[in-house]
C-alpha atoms as a PDB file:
ATOM      1  CA  MET A   1      13.874  86.590  -3.184  1.00  0.00           C
ATOM      2  CA  GLU A   2      15.905  83.505  -2.269  1.00  0.00           C
ATOM      3  CA  ASP A   3      12.659  81.353  -2.824  1.00  0.00           C
ATOM      4  CA  ASP A   4      12.695  82.492  -6.610  1.00  0.00           C
ATOM      5  CA  VAL A   5      15.883  80.468  -7.142  1.00  0.00           C
ATOM      6  CA  LYS A   6      15.312  77.114  -8.660  1.00  0.00           C
ATOM      7  CA  THR A   7      17.716  74.262  -7.442  1.00  0.00           C
ATOM      8  CA  PRO A   8      18.678  71.959 -10.355  1.00  0.00           C
ATOM      9  CA  ASN A   9      17.226  68.758 -10.365  1.00  0.00           C
ATOM     10  CA  LYS A  10      19.946  66.210  -9.416  1.00  0.00           C
ATOM     11  CA  SER A  11      18.184  63.054 -10.195  1.00  0.00           C
ATOM     12  CA  ARG A  12      17.666  62.473 -14.239  1.00  0.00           C
ATOM     13  CA  VAL A  13      15.098  60.629 -15.789  1.00  0.00           C
ATOM     14  CA  ASP A  14      15.366  59.277 -19.030  1.00  0.00           C
ATOM     15  CA  LYS A  15      11.571  59.769 -19.835  1.00  0.00           C
ATOM     16  CA  SER A  16      11.496  57.822 -23.219  1.00  0.00           C
ATOM     17  CA  LEU A  17      12.743  54.720 -21.147  1.00  0.00           C
ATOM     18  CA  VAL A  18       9.844  55.149 -18.672  1.00  0.00           C
ATOM     19  CA  ALA A  19       7.677  55.504 -21.514  1.00  0.00           C
ATOM     20  CA  MET A  20       8.909  52.206 -22.977  1.00  0.00           C
ATOM     21  CA  PHE A  21       8.469  50.343 -19.986  1.00  0.00           C
ATOM     22  CA  LEU A  22       4.982  51.645 -19.601  1.00  0.00           C
ATOM     23  CA  LYS A  23       4.155  50.283 -22.856  1.00  0.00           C
ATOM     24  CA  MET A  24       5.055  46.829 -22.069  1.00  0.00           C
ATOM     25  CA  SER A  25       2.896  44.355 -20.365  1.00  0.00           C
ATOM     26  CA  PRO A  26       3.723  43.053 -16.956  1.00  0.00           C
ATOM     27  CA  GLU A  27       5.097  39.861 -18.410  1.00  0.00           C
ATOM     28  CA  GLU A  28       7.419  41.693 -20.771  1.00  0.00           C
ATOM     29  CA  ARG A  29       8.461  44.024 -17.734  1.00  0.00           C
ATOM     30  CA  MET A  30       9.505  41.074 -15.650  1.00  0.00           C
ATOM     31  CA  LEU A  31      11.372  39.600 -18.616  1.00  0.00           C
ATOM     32  CA  ALA A  32      13.222  42.560 -19.186  1.00  0.00           C
ATOM     33  CA  ASN A  33      14.307  42.411 -15.533  1.00  0.00           C
ATOM     34  CA  ASP A  34      15.228  38.974 -15.809  1.00  0.00           C
ATOM     35  CA  ASN A  35      17.505  39.621 -18.674  1.00  0.00           C
ATOM     36  CA  ALA A  36      18.865  42.628 -16.881  1.00  0.00           C
ATOM     37  CA  VAL A  37      19.928  40.653 -13.685  1.00  0.00           C
ATOM     38  CA  ARG A  38      21.224  37.628 -15.763  1.00  0.00           C
ATOM     39  CA  ALA A  39      23.601  40.307 -17.641  1.00  0.00           C
ATOM     40  CA  ILE A  40      24.769  41.613 -14.109  1.00  0.00           C
ATOM     41  CA  VAL A  41      25.389  38.084 -12.794  1.00  0.00           C
ATOM     42  CA  GLU A  42      27.389  37.322 -15.904  1.00  0.00           C
ATOM     43  CA  MET A  43      29.360  40.526 -15.904  1.00  0.00           C
ATOM     44  CA  ARG A  44      29.998  40.057 -12.168  1.00  0.00           C
ATOM     45  CA  TYR A  45      31.020  36.327 -12.877  1.00  0.00           C
ATOM     46  CA  ALA A  46      33.213  37.642 -15.645  1.00  0.00           C
ATOM     47  CA  TYR A  47      34.733  40.153 -13.470  1.00  0.00           C
ATOM     48  CA  LYS A  48      35.525  37.659 -10.493  1.00  0.00           C
ATOM     49  CA  GLN A  49      37.123  35.346 -13.091  1.00  0.00           C
ATOM     50  CA  GLN A  50      39.322  37.738 -14.683  1.00  0.00           C
ATOM     51  CA  HIS A  51      40.699  38.988 -11.321  1.00  0.00           C
ATOM     52  CA  ILE A  52      41.354  35.320 -10.242  1.00  0.00           C
ATOM     53  CA  THR A  53      43.077  34.707 -13.351  1.00  0.00           C
ATOM     54  CA  LYS A  54      45.210  37.751 -13.257  1.00  0.00           C
ATOM     55  CA  SER A  55      46.046  37.264  -9.621  1.00  0.00           C
ATOM     56  CA  GLY A  56      46.561  33.729 -10.241  1.00  0.00           C
ATOM     57  CA  SER A  57      49.156  34.422 -13.175  1.00  0.00           C
ATOM     58  CA  LYS A  58      51.120  36.737 -10.550  1.00  0.00           C
ATOM     59  CA  ARG A  59      51.722  33.960  -8.491  1.00  0.00           C
ATOM     60  CA  ASN A  60      53.246  31.864 -10.855  1.00  0.00           C
ATOM     61  CA  HIS A  61      55.814  34.505 -12.131  1.00  0.00           C
END
């Protein structure tokens, strides 16, 4: 009877997102990937700059 109990699927997949990427050409998928990587790099840089600015301003007080 224990075998009848289904365990919840812990990995959630956005099927609409998968479908969107499947409709794209390989070039479009590469461009989407490049844009995502660029956004991540920009956010990391901005976070580091903010952290440097905040820690630098504390030293000046």
